[in-house]
PDB file of all heavy atoms in Angstrom:
ATOM      1  N   LEU A   1      93.636  92.109  90.778  1.00  0.00           N
ATOM      2  CA  LEU A   1      93.698  92.694  92.117  1.00  0.00           C
ATOM      3  C   LEU A   1      93.282  91.635  93.120  1.00  0.00           C
ATOM      4  O   LEU A   1      92.239  90.990  92.963  1.00  0.00           O
ATOM      5  CB  LEU A   1      92.755  93.908  92.206  1.00  0.00           C
ATOM      6  CG  LEU A   1      92.571  94.576  93.567  1.00  0.00           C
ATOM      7  CD1 LEU A   1      93.897  95.124  94.098  1.00  0.00           C
ATOM      8  CD2 LEU A   1      91.536  95.699  93.478  1.00  0.00           C
ATOM      9  N   SER A   2      94.078  91.442  94.133  1.00  0.00           N
ATOM     10  CA  SER A   2      93.789  90.432  95.147  1.00  0.00           C
ATOM     11  C   SER A   2      92.653  90.885  96.060  1.00  0.00           C
ATOM     12  O   SER A   2      92.653  92.019  96.548  1.00  0.00           O
ATOM     13  CB  SER A   2      95.049  90.171  95.978  1.00  0.00           C
ATOM     14  OG  SER A   2      94.741  89.506  97.181  1.00  0.00           O
ATOM     15  N   ALA A   3      91.702  89.996  96.300  1.00  0.00           N
ATOM     16  CA  ALA A   3      90.623  90.296  97.239  1.00  0.00           C
ATOM     17  C   ALA A   3      91.182  90.516  98.637  1.00  0.00           C
ATOM     18  O   ALA A   3      90.690  91.360  99.395  1.00  0.00           O
ATOM     19  CB  ALA A   3      89.602  89.156  97.245  1.00  0.00           C
ATOM     20  N   ASP A   4      92.226  89.774  98.981  1.00  0.00           N
ATOM     21  CA  ASP A   4      92.851  89.937 100.299  1.00  0.00           C
ATOM     22  C   ASP A   4      93.461  91.332 100.452  1.00  0.00           C
ATOM     23  O   ASP A   4      93.460  91.898 101.546  1.00  0.00           O
ATOM     24  CB  ASP A   4      93.938  88.882 100.514  1.00  0.00           C
ATOM     25  CG  ASP A   4      93.364  87.484 100.710  1.00  0.00           C
ATOM     26  OD1 ASP A   4      92.154  87.375 100.990  1.00  0.00           O
ATOM     27  OD2 ASP A   4      94.123  86.503 100.581  1.00  0.00           O
ATOM     28  N   ARG A   5      93.994  91.886  99.348  1.00  0.00           N
ATOM     29  CA  ARG A   5      94.581  93.234  99.394  1.00  0.00           C
ATOM     30  C   ARG A   5      93.506  94.267  99.709  1.00  0.00           C
ATOM     31  O   ARG A   5      93.700  95.189 100.507  1.00  0.00           O
ATOM     32  CB  ARG A   5      95.257  93.548  98.038  1.00  0.00           C
ATOM     33  CG  ARG A   5      95.655  95.013  97.808  1.00  0.00           C
ATOM     34  CD  ARG A   5      96.953  95.367  98.490  1.00  0.00           C
ATOM     35  NE  ARG A   5      96.761  95.802  99.845  1.00  0.00           N
ATOM     36  CZ  ARG A   5      96.459  97.037 100.245  1.00  0.00           C
ATOM     37  NH1 ARG A   5      96.256  98.000  99.374  1.00  0.00           N
ATOM     38  NH2 ARG A   5      96.333  97.321 101.513  1.00  0.00           N
ATOM     39  N   VAL A   6      92.329  94.109  99.113  1.00  0.00           N
ATOM     40  CA  VAL A   6      91.224  95.031  99.380  1.00  0.00           C
ATOM     41  C   VAL A   6      90.743  94.870 100.817  1.00  0.00           C
ATOM     42  O   VAL A   6      90.473  95.856 101.510  1.00  0.00           O
ATOM     43  CB  VAL A   6      90.071  94.799  98.387  1.00  0.00           C
ATOM     44  CG1 VAL A   6      88.883  95.712  98.715  1.00  0.00           C
ATOM     45  CG2 VAL A   6      90.544  95.048  96.957  1.00  0.00           C
ATOM     46  N   ALA A   7      90.640  93.621 101.281  1.00  0.00           N
ATOM     47  CA  ALA A   7      90.225  93.377 102.667  1.00  0.00           C
ATOM     48  C   ALA A   7      91.221  93.988 103.654  1.00  0.00           C
ATOM     49  O   ALA A   7      90.837  94.556 104.680  1.00  0.00           O
ATOM     50  CB  ALA A   7      90.076  91.877 102.911  1.00  0.00           C
ATOM     51  N   GLU A   8      92.508  93.866 103.332  1.00  0.00           N
ATOM     52  CA  GLU A   8      93.542  94.456 104.194  1.00  0.00           C
ATOM     53  C   GLU A   8      93.392  95.968 104.253  1.00  0.00           C
ATOM     54  O   GLU A   8      93.473  96.573 105.331  1.00  0.00           O
ATOM     55  CB  GLU A   8      94.927  94.096 103.644  1.00  0.00           C
ATOM     56  CG  GLU A   8      96.081  94.717 104.417  1.00  0.00           C
ATOM     57  CD  GLU A   8      97.409  94.488 103.725  1.00  0.00           C
ATOM     58  OE1 GLU A   8      97.498  94.734 102.494  1.00  0.00           O
ATOM     59  OE2 GLU A   8      98.362  94.068 104.414  1.00  0.00           O
ATOM     60  N   ALA A   9      93.174  96.593 103.101  1.00  0.00           N
ATOM     61  CA  ALA A   9      93.009  98.046 103.053  1.00  0.00           C
ATOM     62  C   ALA A   9      91.791  98.481 103.856  1.00  0.00           C
ATOM     63  O   ALA A   9      91.858  99.423 104.660  1.00  0.00           O
ATOM     64  CB  ALA A   9      92.882  98.503 101.600  1.00  0.00           C
ATOM     65  N   ALA A  10      90.665  97.787 103.645  1.00  0.00           N
ATOM     66  CA  ALA A  10      89.443  98.131 104.369  1.00  0.00           C
ATOM     67  C   ALA A  10      89.631  97.949 105.870  1.00  0.00           C
ATOM     68  O   ALA A  10      89.149  98.760 106.677  1.00  0.00           O
ATOM     69  CB  ALA A  10      88.285  97.273 103.868  1.00  0.00           C
ATOM     70  N   GLY A  11      90.343  96.901 106.259  1.00  0.00           N
ATOM     71  CA  GLY A  11      90.584  96.667 107.677  1.00  0.00           C
ATOM     72  C   GLY A  11      91.387  97.790 108.312  1.00  0.00           C
ATOM     73  O   GLY A  11      91.104  98.212 109.448  1.00  0.00           O
ATOM     74  N   ARG A  12      92.408  98.288 107.601  1.00  0.00           N
ATOM     75  CA  ARG A  12      93.201  99.394 108.147  1.00  0.00           C
ATOM     76  C   ARG A  12      92.359 100.654 108.299  1.00  0.00           C
ATOM     77  O   ARG A  12      92.474 101.378 109.285  1.00  0.00           O
ATOM     78  CB  ARG A  12      94.393  99.679 107.232  1.00  0.00           C
ATOM     79  CG  ARG A  12      95.551  98.706 107.380  1.00  0.00           C
ATOM     80  CD  ARG A  12      96.844  99.347 106.895  1.00  0.00           C
ATOM     81  NE  ARG A  12      97.949  98.397 106.995  1.00  0.00           N
ATOM     82  CZ  ARG A  12      98.417  97.688 105.987  1.00  0.00           C
ATOM     83  NH1 ARG A  12      97.855  97.785 104.793  1.00  0.00           N
ATOM     84  NH2 ARG A  12      99.439  96.868 106.162  1.00  0.00           N
ATOM     85  N   VAL A  13      91.522 100.926 107.303  1.00  0.00           N
ATOM     86  CA  VAL A  13      90.675 102.114 107.363  1.00  0.00           C
ATOM     87  C   VAL A  13      89.693 102.010 108.522  1.00  0.00           C
ATOM     88  O   VAL A  13      89.479 102.974 109.273  1.00  0.00           O
ATOM     89  CB  VAL A  13      89.932 102.327 106.033  1.00  0.00           C
ATOM     90  CG1 VAL A  13      88.940 103.485 106.152  1.00  0.00           C
ATOM     91  CG2 VAL A  13      90.923 102.595 104.902  1.00  0.00           C
ATOM     92  N   ARG A  14      89.084 100.856 108.702  1.00  0.00           N
ATOM     93  CA  ARG A  14      88.127 100.671 109.790  1.00  0.00           C
ATOM     94  C   ARG A  14      88.805 100.802 111.152  1.00  0.00           C
ATOM     95  O   ARG A  14      88.242 101.387 112.083  1.00  0.00           O
ATOM     96  CB  ARG A  14      87.452  99.305 109.670  1.00  0.00           C
ATOM     97  CG  ARG A  14      86.475  99.220 108.507  1.00  0.00           C
ATOM     98  CD  ARG A  14      85.840  97.838 108.408  1.00  0.00           C
ATOM     99  NE  ARG A  14      84.954  97.740 107.245  1.00  0.00           N
ATOM    100  CZ  ARG A  14      84.306  96.647 106.903  1.00  0.00           C
ATOM    101  NH1 ARG A  14      84.445  95.532 107.629  1.00  0.00           N
ATOM    102  NH2 ARG A  14      83.514  96.627 105.848  1.00  0.00           N
ATOM    103  N   GLU A  15      90.013 100.267 111.272  1.00  0.00           N
ATOM    104  CA  GLU A  15      90.737 100.381 112.541  1.00  0.00           C
ATOM    105  C   GLU A  15      91.046 101.848 112.856  1.00  0.00           C
ATOM    106  O   GLU A  15      90.889 102.307 113.986  1.00  0.00           O
ATOM    107  CB  GLU A  15      92.034  99.579 112.484  1.00  0.00           C
ATOM    108  CG  GLU A  15      92.837  99.641 113.780  1.00  0.00           C
ATOM    109  CD  GLU A  15      94.130  98.862 113.703  1.00  0.00           C
ATOM    110  OE1 GLU A  15      94.472  98.359 112.620  1.00  0.00           O
ATOM    111  OE2 GLU A  15      94.819  98.769 114.740  1.00  0.00           O
ATOM    112  N   LEU A  16      91.489 102.593 111.832  1.00  0.00           N
ATOM    113  CA  LEU A  16      91.747 104.020 112.024  1.00  0.00           C
ATOM    114  C   LEU A  16      90.470 104.742 112.431  1.00  0.00           C
ATOM    115  O   LEU A  16      90.471 105.541 113.380  1.00  0.00           O
ATOM    116  CB  LEU A  16      92.299 104.627 110.733  1.00  0.00           C
ATOM    117  CG  LEU A  16      92.459 106.155 110.736  1.00  0.00           C
ATOM    118  CD1 LEU A  16      93.551 106.593 111.710  1.00  0.00           C
ATOM    119  CD2 LEU A  16      92.763 106.666 109.314  1.00  0.00           C
ATOM    120  N   ALA A  17      89.384 104.479 111.722  1.00  0.00           N
ATOM    121  CA  ALA A  17      88.117 105.148 112.010  1.00  0.00           C
ATOM    122  C   ALA A  17      87.631 104.841 113.417  1.00  0.00           C
ATOM    123  O   ALA A  17      87.137 105.725 114.130  1.00  0.00           O
ATOM    124  CB  ALA A  17      87.062 104.731 110.985  1.00  0.00           C
ATOM    125  N   ARG A  18      87.778 103.588 113.839  1.00  0.00           N
ATOM    126  CA  ARG A  18      87.376 103.228 115.196  1.00  0.00           C
ATOM    127  C   ARG A  18      88.203 103.983 116.226  1.00  0.00           C
ATOM    128  O   ARG A  18      87.669 104.553 117.180  1.00  0.00           O
ATOM    129  CB  ARG A  18      87.549 101.728 115.406  1.00  0.00           C
ATOM    130  CG  ARG A  18      87.145 101.256 116.819  1.00  0.00           C
ATOM    131  CD  ARG A  18      87.757  99.903 117.142  1.00  0.00           C
ATOM    132  NE  ARG A  18      89.220 100.005 117.182  1.00  0.00           N
ATOM    133  CZ  ARG A  18      90.031  98.949 117.212  1.00  0.00           C
ATOM    134  NH1 ARG A  18      89.546  97.722 117.173  1.00  0.00           N
ATOM    135  NH2 ARG A  18      91.330  99.121 117.252  1.00  0.00           N
ATOM    136  N   ASP A  19      89.508 104.026 116.026  1.00  0.00           N
ATOM    137  CA  ASP A  19      90.378 104.722 116.970  1.00  0.00           C
ATOM    138  C   ASP A  19      90.044 106.212 117.043  1.00  0.00           C
ATOM    139  O   ASP A  19      90.034 106.813 118.125  1.00  0.00           O
ATOM    140  CB  ASP A  19      91.842 104.544 116.578  1.00  0.00           C
ATOM    141  CG  ASP A  19      92.328 103.113 116.776  1.00  0.00           C
ATOM    142  OD1 ASP A  19      91.600 102.318 117.402  1.00  0.00           O
ATOM    143  OD2 ASP A  19      93.436 102.804 116.291  1.00  0.00           O
ATOM    144  N   LEU A  20      89.770 106.817 115.889  1.00  0.00           N
ATOM    145  CA  LEU A  20      89.439 108.240 115.878  1.00  0.00           C
ATOM    146  C   LEU A  20      88.097 108.499 116.541  1.00  0.00           C
ATOM    147  O   LEU A  20      87.917 109.501 117.240  1.00  0.00           O
ATOM    148  CB  LEU A  20      89.434 108.763 114.434  1.00  0.00           C
ATOM    149  CG  LEU A  20      90.791 108.741 113.720  1.00  0.00           C
ATOM    150  CD1 LEU A  20      90.643 109.184 112.274  1.00  0.00           C
ATOM    151  CD2 LEU A  20      91.796 109.621 114.452  1.00  0.00           C
ATOM    152  N   ALA A  21      87.139 107.587 116.328  1.00  0.00           N
ATOM    153  CA  ALA A  21      85.833 107.731 116.976  1.00  0.00           C
ATOM    154  C   ALA A  21      85.968 107.630 118.488  1.00  0.00           C
ATOM    155  O   ALA A  21      85.350 108.399 119.242  1.00  0.00           O
ATOM    156  CB  ALA A  21      84.867 106.677 116.448  1.00  0.00           C
ATOM    157  N   LEU A  22      86.780 106.706 118.960  1.00  0.00           N
ATOM    158  CA  LEU A  22      86.997 106.568 120.401  1.00  0.00           C
ATOM    159  C   LEU A  22      87.738 107.773 120.949  1.00  0.00           C
ATOM    160  O   LEU A  22      87.429 108.269 122.042  1.00  0.00           O
ATOM    161  CB  LEU A  22      87.781 105.282 120.692  1.00  0.00           C
ATOM    162  CG  LEU A  22      87.070 103.971 120.348  1.00  0.00           C
ATOM    163  CD1 LEU A  22      87.988 102.779 120.607  1.00  0.00           C
ATOM    164  CD2 LEU A  22      85.783 103.825 121.164  1.00  0.00           C
ATOM    165  N   SER A  23      88.707 108.288 120.189  1.00  0.00           N
ATOM    166  CA  SER A  23      89.450 109.468 120.631  1.00  0.00           C
ATOM    167  C   SER A  23      88.551 110.678 120.763  1.00  0.00           C
ATOM    168  O   SER A  23      88.746 111.522 121.647  1.00  0.00           O
ATOM    169  CB  SER A  23      90.587 109.781 119.649  1.00  0.00           C
ATOM    170  OG  SER A  23      91.547 108.760 119.631  1.00  0.00           O
ATOM    171  N   SER A  24      87.552 110.783 119.883  1.00  0.00           N
ATOM    172  CA  SER A  24      86.664 111.947 119.918  1.00  0.00           C
ATOM    173  C   SER A  24      85.823 111.986 121.184  1.00  0.00           C
ATOM    174  O   SER A  24      85.268 113.029 121.538  1.00  0.00           O
ATOM    175  CB  SER A  24      85.742 111.940 118.692  1.00  0.00           C
ATOM    176  OG  SER A  24      84.787 110.886 118.768  1.00  0.00           O
ATOM    177  N   GLU A  25      85.727 110.856 121.868  1.00  0.00           N
ATOM    178  CA  GLU A  25      84.936 110.792 123.088  1.00  0.00           C
ATOM    179  C   GLU A  25      85.788 111.028 124.335  1.00  0.00           C
ATOM    180  O   GLU A  25      85.261 111.185 125.432  1.00  0.00           O
ATOM    181  CB  GLU A  25      84.250 109.427 123.193  1.00  0.00           C
ATOM    182  CG  GLU A  25      83.258 109.165 122.061  1.00  0.00           C
ATOM    183  CD  GLU A  25      82.750 107.728 122.059  1.00  0.00           C
ATOM    184  OE1 GLU A  25      83.229 106.942 122.910  1.00  0.00           O
ATOM    185  OE2 GLU A  25      81.897 107.404 121.225  1.00  0.00           O
ATOM    186  N   GLU A  26      87.116 111.052 124.158  1.00  0.00           N
ATOM    187  CA  GLU A  26      88.001 111.234 125.297  1.00  0.00           C
ATOM    188  C   GLU A  26      88.239 112.722 125.538  1.00  0.00           C
ATOM    189  O   GLU A  26      88.387 113.496 124.593  1.00  0.00           O
ATOM    190  CB  GLU A  26      89.345 110.530 125.052  1.00  0.00           C
ATOM    191  CG  GLU A  26      89.219 109.032 124.829  1.00  0.00           C
ATOM    192  CD  GLU A  26      88.675 108.308 126.041  1.00  0.00           C
ATOM    193  OE1 GLU A  26      88.899 108.786 127.166  1.00  0.00           O
ATOM    194  OE2 GLU A  26      88.020 107.259 125.867  1.00  0.00           O
ATOM    195  N   PRO A  27      88.299 113.138 126.805  1.00  0.00           N
ATOM    196  CA  PRO A  27      88.583 114.550 127.089  1.00  0.00           C
ATOM    197  C   PRO A  27      90.006 114.900 126.689  1.00  0.00           C
ATOM    198  O   PRO A  27      90.928 114.100 126.839  1.00  0.00           O
ATOM    199  CB  PRO A  27      88.386 114.655 128.609  1.00  0.00           C
ATOM    200  CG  PRO A  27      88.621 113.259 129.111  1.00  0.00           C
ATOM    201  CD  PRO A  27      88.115 112.341 128.035  1.00  0.00           C
ATOM    202  N   VAL A  28      90.183 116.090 126.141  1.00  0.00           N
ATOM    203  CA  VAL A  28      91.494 116.575 125.740  1.00  0.00           C
ATOM    204  C   VAL A  28      91.710 117.941 126.368  1.00  0.00           C
ATOM    205  O   VAL A  28      90.810 118.786 126.365  1.00  0.00           O
ATOM    206  CB  VAL A  28      91.607 116.685 124.199  1.00  0.00           C
ATOM    207  CG1 VAL A  28      92.925 117.318 123.797  1.00  0.00           C
ATOM    208  CG2 VAL A  28      91.478 115.308 123.561  1.00  0.00           C
TER     209      VAL A  28
END
């Protein structure tokens, strides 16, 4: 298993989590 593949996966998850956290603070 490539270490870069795991880093890529973790990066996508963190980006999603950040976006969702920011969205939760925006009025809807």
